[in-house]
Structure formats: structure tokens, C-alpha cells
Amino acid sequence: MDEKHAEQMRLLGLNIAFYRRARGLTQSELAEAVQISRTHMSNIEARNSHTSLSLNKLLDIADALEVPVKSLFEFRN
């Protein structure tokens, strides 16, 4: 992954984890809902992972979490 996007991907993963927990879902449940492995979901949420994420899967995740995709990009400092 390009280093210039690493921090944004880290924050995106943290937001996904935040909304997943707020919905009361496990990583396995969210992974199943968007048809990826639990390991891939874990890597997406990991703070120091360099896992990429397709736009289609990002939209699937937002749908499964019942949040607008823009919410996943509202990074808090």
C-alpha cells in the first residue's frame, strides 16, 4: 500500500470497527454479511495492517453496518 494513504486506511479500519461494535456485530458476523473471511475483516480493522479494500466491499460494509459510506470517512482526531 502507498504510504501516503496508510494513515487514512488505518482510520477507515478504526471507523469500521467502531460502527461494527455499535451494531453489536462480531468480526465474523460482519465478514459473513459482506462475503469475506474473518481474517480479511480483522486485517481491514487492524491498526497496522496494509490490507487493501475494494470500493465494492467498502460499500457492502457500509450497507451491512447501516451507515452512509461517508460516515466511514469522518475521521476523528
N, C-alpha and C. Protein backbone atom coordinates (compact mmCIF):
# COMPACT_ATOMS: atom_id res chain seq x y z
N MET A 1 0.83 -1.18 0.00
CA MET A 1 0.00 0.00 0.00
C MET A 1 0.88 1.24 0.00
N ASP A 2 0.43 2.24 -0.69
CA ASP A 2 1.12 3.51 -0.75
C ASP A 2 1.16 4.14 0.64
N GLU A 3 2.32 4.55 1.07
CA GLU A 3 2.48 5.14 2.41
C GLU A 3 1.64 6.40 2.59
N LYS A 4 1.38 7.12 1.51
CA LYS A 4 0.62 8.36 1.65
C LYS A 4 -0.83 8.09 2.04
N HIS A 5 -1.31 6.86 1.82
CA HIS A 5 -2.68 6.51 2.17
C HIS A 5 -2.77 5.64 3.43
N ALA A 6 -1.65 5.26 3.98
CA ALA A 6 -1.63 4.33 5.11
C ALA A 6 -2.41 4.86 6.30
N GLU A 7 -2.25 6.12 6.64
CA GLU A 7 -2.96 6.69 7.79
C GLU A 7 -4.46 6.73 7.54
N GLN A 8 -4.86 7.06 6.35
CA GLN A 8 -6.29 7.09 6.03
C GLN A 8 -6.90 5.69 6.08
N MET A 9 -6.18 4.69 5.62
CA MET A 9 -6.67 3.32 5.68
C MET A 9 -6.76 2.85 7.14
N ARG A 10 -5.80 3.27 7.96
CA ARG A 10 -5.84 2.92 9.38
C ARG A 10 -7.09 3.51 10.03
N LEU A 11 -7.37 4.77 9.74
CA LEU A 11 -8.53 5.44 10.32
C LEU A 11 -9.84 4.85 9.78
N LEU A 12 -9.85 4.48 8.52
CA LEU A 12 -11.01 3.83 7.94
C LEU A 12 -11.30 2.52 8.66
N GLY A 13 -10.27 1.73 8.90
CA GLY A 13 -10.43 0.47 9.63
C GLY A 13 -10.94 0.68 11.04
N LEU A 14 -10.45 1.71 11.70
CA LEU A 14 -10.93 2.01 13.05
C LEU A 14 -12.40 2.42 13.04
N ASN A 15 -12.81 3.18 12.03
CA ASN A 15 -14.22 3.56 11.93
C ASN A 15 -15.11 2.36 11.64
N ILE A 16 -14.65 1.47 10.80
CA ILE A 16 -15.42 0.25 10.53
C ILE A 16 -15.59 -0.54 11.83
N ALA A 17 -14.53 -0.68 12.60
CA ALA A 17 -14.61 -1.39 13.87
C ALA A 17 -15.56 -0.68 14.83
N PHE A 18 -15.52 0.64 14.88
CA PHE A 18 -16.41 1.41 15.76
C PHE A 18 -17.87 1.14 15.41
N TYR A 19 -18.23 1.27 14.14
CA TYR A 19 -19.62 1.07 13.74
C TYR A 19 -20.04 -0.39 13.87
N ARG A 20 -19.11 -1.33 13.65
CA ARG A 20 -19.43 -2.75 13.84
C ARG A 20 -19.79 -3.03 15.28
N ARG A 21 -18.98 -2.51 16.20
CA ARG A 21 -19.26 -2.71 17.62
C ARG A 21 -20.56 -2.02 18.03
N ALA A 22 -20.81 -0.85 17.48
CA ALA A 22 -22.04 -0.11 17.80
C ALA A 22 -23.28 -0.89 17.36
N ARG A 23 -23.15 -1.68 16.30
CA ARG A 23 -24.26 -2.51 15.83
C ARG A 23 -24.31 -3.86 16.56
N GLY A 24 -23.34 -4.11 17.42
CA GLY A 24 -23.32 -5.36 18.17
C GLY A 24 -22.92 -6.57 17.35
N LEU A 25 -22.12 -6.34 16.32
CA LEU A 25 -21.68 -7.43 15.44
C LEU A 25 -20.25 -7.85 15.77
N THR A 26 -19.98 -9.11 15.59
CA THR A 26 -18.60 -9.60 15.68
C THR A 26 -17.94 -9.42 14.31
N GLN A 27 -16.63 -9.55 14.29
CA GLN A 27 -15.94 -9.51 13.00
C GLN A 27 -16.43 -10.63 12.10
N SER A 28 -16.66 -11.78 12.66
CA SER A 28 -17.14 -12.93 11.86
C SER A 28 -18.51 -12.64 11.25
N GLU A 29 -19.40 -12.04 12.03
CA GLU A 29 -20.73 -11.74 11.51
C GLU A 29 -20.69 -10.71 10.39
N LEU A 30 -19.88 -9.66 10.56
CA LEU A 30 -19.77 -8.65 9.51
C LEU A 30 -19.10 -9.25 8.28
N ALA A 31 -18.06 -10.03 8.49
CA ALA A 31 -17.37 -10.68 7.37
C ALA A 31 -18.32 -11.56 6.58
N GLU A 32 -19.13 -12.32 7.27
CA GLU A 32 -20.09 -13.18 6.60
C GLU A 32 -21.11 -12.35 5.81
N ALA A 33 -21.55 -11.24 6.39
CA ALA A 33 -22.54 -10.39 5.72
C ALA A 33 -22.01 -9.79 4.42
N VAL A 34 -20.71 -9.56 4.35
CA VAL A 34 -20.12 -8.96 3.14
C VAL A 34 -19.30 -9.95 2.33
N GLN A 35 -19.38 -11.22 2.71
CA GLN A 35 -18.78 -12.33 1.98
C GLN A 35 -17.26 -12.21 1.83
N ILE A 36 -16.60 -11.96 2.97
CA ILE A 36 -15.14 -12.04 3.04
C ILE A 36 -14.79 -12.90 4.25
N SER A 37 -13.54 -13.28 4.37
CA SER A 37 -13.14 -14.10 5.52
C SER A 37 -13.02 -13.23 6.77
N ARG A 38 -13.13 -13.86 7.92
CA ARG A 38 -12.96 -13.14 9.17
C ARG A 38 -11.55 -12.58 9.26
N THR A 39 -10.58 -13.31 8.74
CA THR A 39 -9.20 -12.84 8.75
C THR A 39 -9.05 -11.56 7.94
N HIS A 40 -9.69 -11.51 6.79
CA HIS A 40 -9.63 -10.29 5.98
C HIS A 40 -10.28 -9.13 6.72
N MET A 41 -11.42 -9.38 7.36
CA MET A 41 -12.08 -8.32 8.14
C MET A 41 -11.17 -7.86 9.27
N SER A 42 -10.53 -8.78 9.94
CA SER A 42 -9.60 -8.43 11.00
C SER A 42 -8.47 -7.56 10.47
N ASN A 43 -7.96 -7.92 9.30
CA ASN A 43 -6.88 -7.14 8.70
C ASN A 43 -7.34 -5.75 8.30
N ILE A 44 -8.56 -5.62 7.83
CA ILE A 44 -9.11 -4.31 7.48
C ILE A 44 -9.16 -3.41 8.71
N GLU A 45 -9.58 -3.98 9.83
CA GLU A 45 -9.73 -3.21 11.07
C GLU A 45 -8.42 -3.00 11.81
N ALA A 46 -7.40 -3.78 11.51
CA ALA A 46 -6.14 -3.72 12.25
C ALA A 46 -5.47 -2.36 12.07
N ARG A 47 -4.93 -1.85 13.16
CA ARG A 47 -4.31 -0.53 13.14
C ARG A 47 -3.05 -0.46 12.33
N ASN A 48 -2.34 -1.56 12.21
CA ASN A 48 -1.06 -1.52 11.50
C ASN A 48 -1.03 -2.43 10.27
N SER A 49 -2.20 -2.77 9.78
CA SER A 49 -2.28 -3.64 8.61
C SER A 49 -2.21 -2.82 7.33
N HIS A 50 -1.72 -3.45 6.29
CA HIS A 50 -1.65 -2.79 4.98
C HIS A 50 -2.56 -3.52 4.00
N THR A 51 -3.73 -3.91 4.46
CA THR A 51 -4.68 -4.62 3.62
C THR A 51 -5.47 -3.64 2.77
N SER A 52 -5.59 -3.96 1.50
CA SER A 52 -6.40 -3.11 0.63
C SER A 52 -7.86 -3.51 0.72
N LEU A 53 -8.71 -2.62 0.22
CA LEU A 53 -10.14 -2.83 0.31
C LEU A 53 -10.76 -2.28 -0.97
N SER A 54 -11.54 -3.11 -1.65
CA SER A 54 -12.18 -2.64 -2.88
C SER A 54 -13.34 -1.71 -2.55
N LEU A 55 -13.68 -0.87 -3.49
CA LEU A 55 -14.80 0.03 -3.30
C LEU A 55 -16.10 -0.74 -3.14
N ASN A 56 -16.25 -1.83 -3.89
CA ASN A 56 -17.46 -2.65 -3.76
C ASN A 56 -17.60 -3.21 -2.34
N LYS A 57 -16.50 -3.71 -1.78
CA LYS A 57 -16.57 -4.26 -0.42
C LYS A 57 -16.80 -3.15 0.60
N LEU A 58 -16.23 -1.99 0.37
CA LEU A 58 -16.47 -0.87 1.28
C LEU A 58 -17.95 -0.49 1.28
N LEU A 59 -18.55 -0.46 0.11
CA LEU A 59 -19.99 -0.16 0.02
C LEU A 59 -20.81 -1.27 0.68
N ASP A 60 -20.39 -2.52 0.52
CA ASP A 60 -21.08 -3.64 1.18
C ASP A 60 -20.99 -3.50 2.70
N ILE A 61 -19.81 -3.11 3.19
CA ILE A 61 -19.62 -2.95 4.64
C ILE A 61 -20.53 -1.83 5.16
N ALA A 62 -20.57 -0.70 4.47
CA ALA A 62 -21.44 0.40 4.88
C ALA A 62 -22.90 -0.05 4.91
N ASP A 63 -23.32 -0.80 3.89
CA ASP A 63 -24.70 -1.31 3.86
C ASP A 63 -24.97 -2.24 5.05
N ALA A 64 -24.04 -3.15 5.31
CA ALA A 64 -24.22 -4.10 6.40
C ALA A 64 -24.27 -3.40 7.76
N LEU A 65 -23.52 -2.31 7.88
CA LEU A 65 -23.49 -1.55 9.13
C LEU A 65 -24.63 -0.53 9.21
N GLU A 66 -25.35 -0.39 8.10
CA GLU A 66 -26.47 0.55 8.00
C GLU A 66 -26.03 1.98 8.31
N VAL A 67 -24.89 2.36 7.71
CA VAL A 67 -24.39 3.73 7.83
C VAL A 67 -24.06 4.24 6.42
N PRO A 68 -24.18 5.55 6.22
CA PRO A 68 -23.76 6.09 4.93
C PRO A 68 -22.25 5.88 4.78
N VAL A 69 -21.81 5.57 3.59
CA VAL A 69 -20.38 5.31 3.37
C VAL A 69 -19.54 6.52 3.80
N LYS A 70 -20.08 7.72 3.67
CA LYS A 70 -19.33 8.91 4.07
C LYS A 70 -19.00 8.90 5.56
N SER A 71 -19.83 8.24 6.37
CA SER A 71 -19.57 8.15 7.81
C SER A 71 -18.27 7.40 8.10
N LEU A 72 -17.93 6.47 7.24
CA LEU A 72 -16.71 5.70 7.44
C LEU A 72 -15.46 6.55 7.20
N PHE A 73 -15.65 7.68 6.53
CA PHE A 73 -14.53 8.58 6.22
C PHE A 73 -14.52 9.83 7.09
N GLU A 74 -15.37 9.89 8.09
CA GLU A 74 -15.37 11.02 9.00
C GLU A 74 -14.39 10.70 10.13
N PHE A 75 -13.13 11.03 9.86
CA PHE A 75 -12.05 10.70 10.78
C PHE A 75 -12.02 11.66 11.94
N ARG A 76 -11.93 11.12 13.14
CA ARG A 76 -11.83 11.93 14.35
C ARG A 76 -10.38 11.94 14.80
N ASN A 77 -9.94 13.05 15.27
CA ASN A 77 -8.53 13.14 15.73
C ASN A 77 -8.38 12.66 17.15
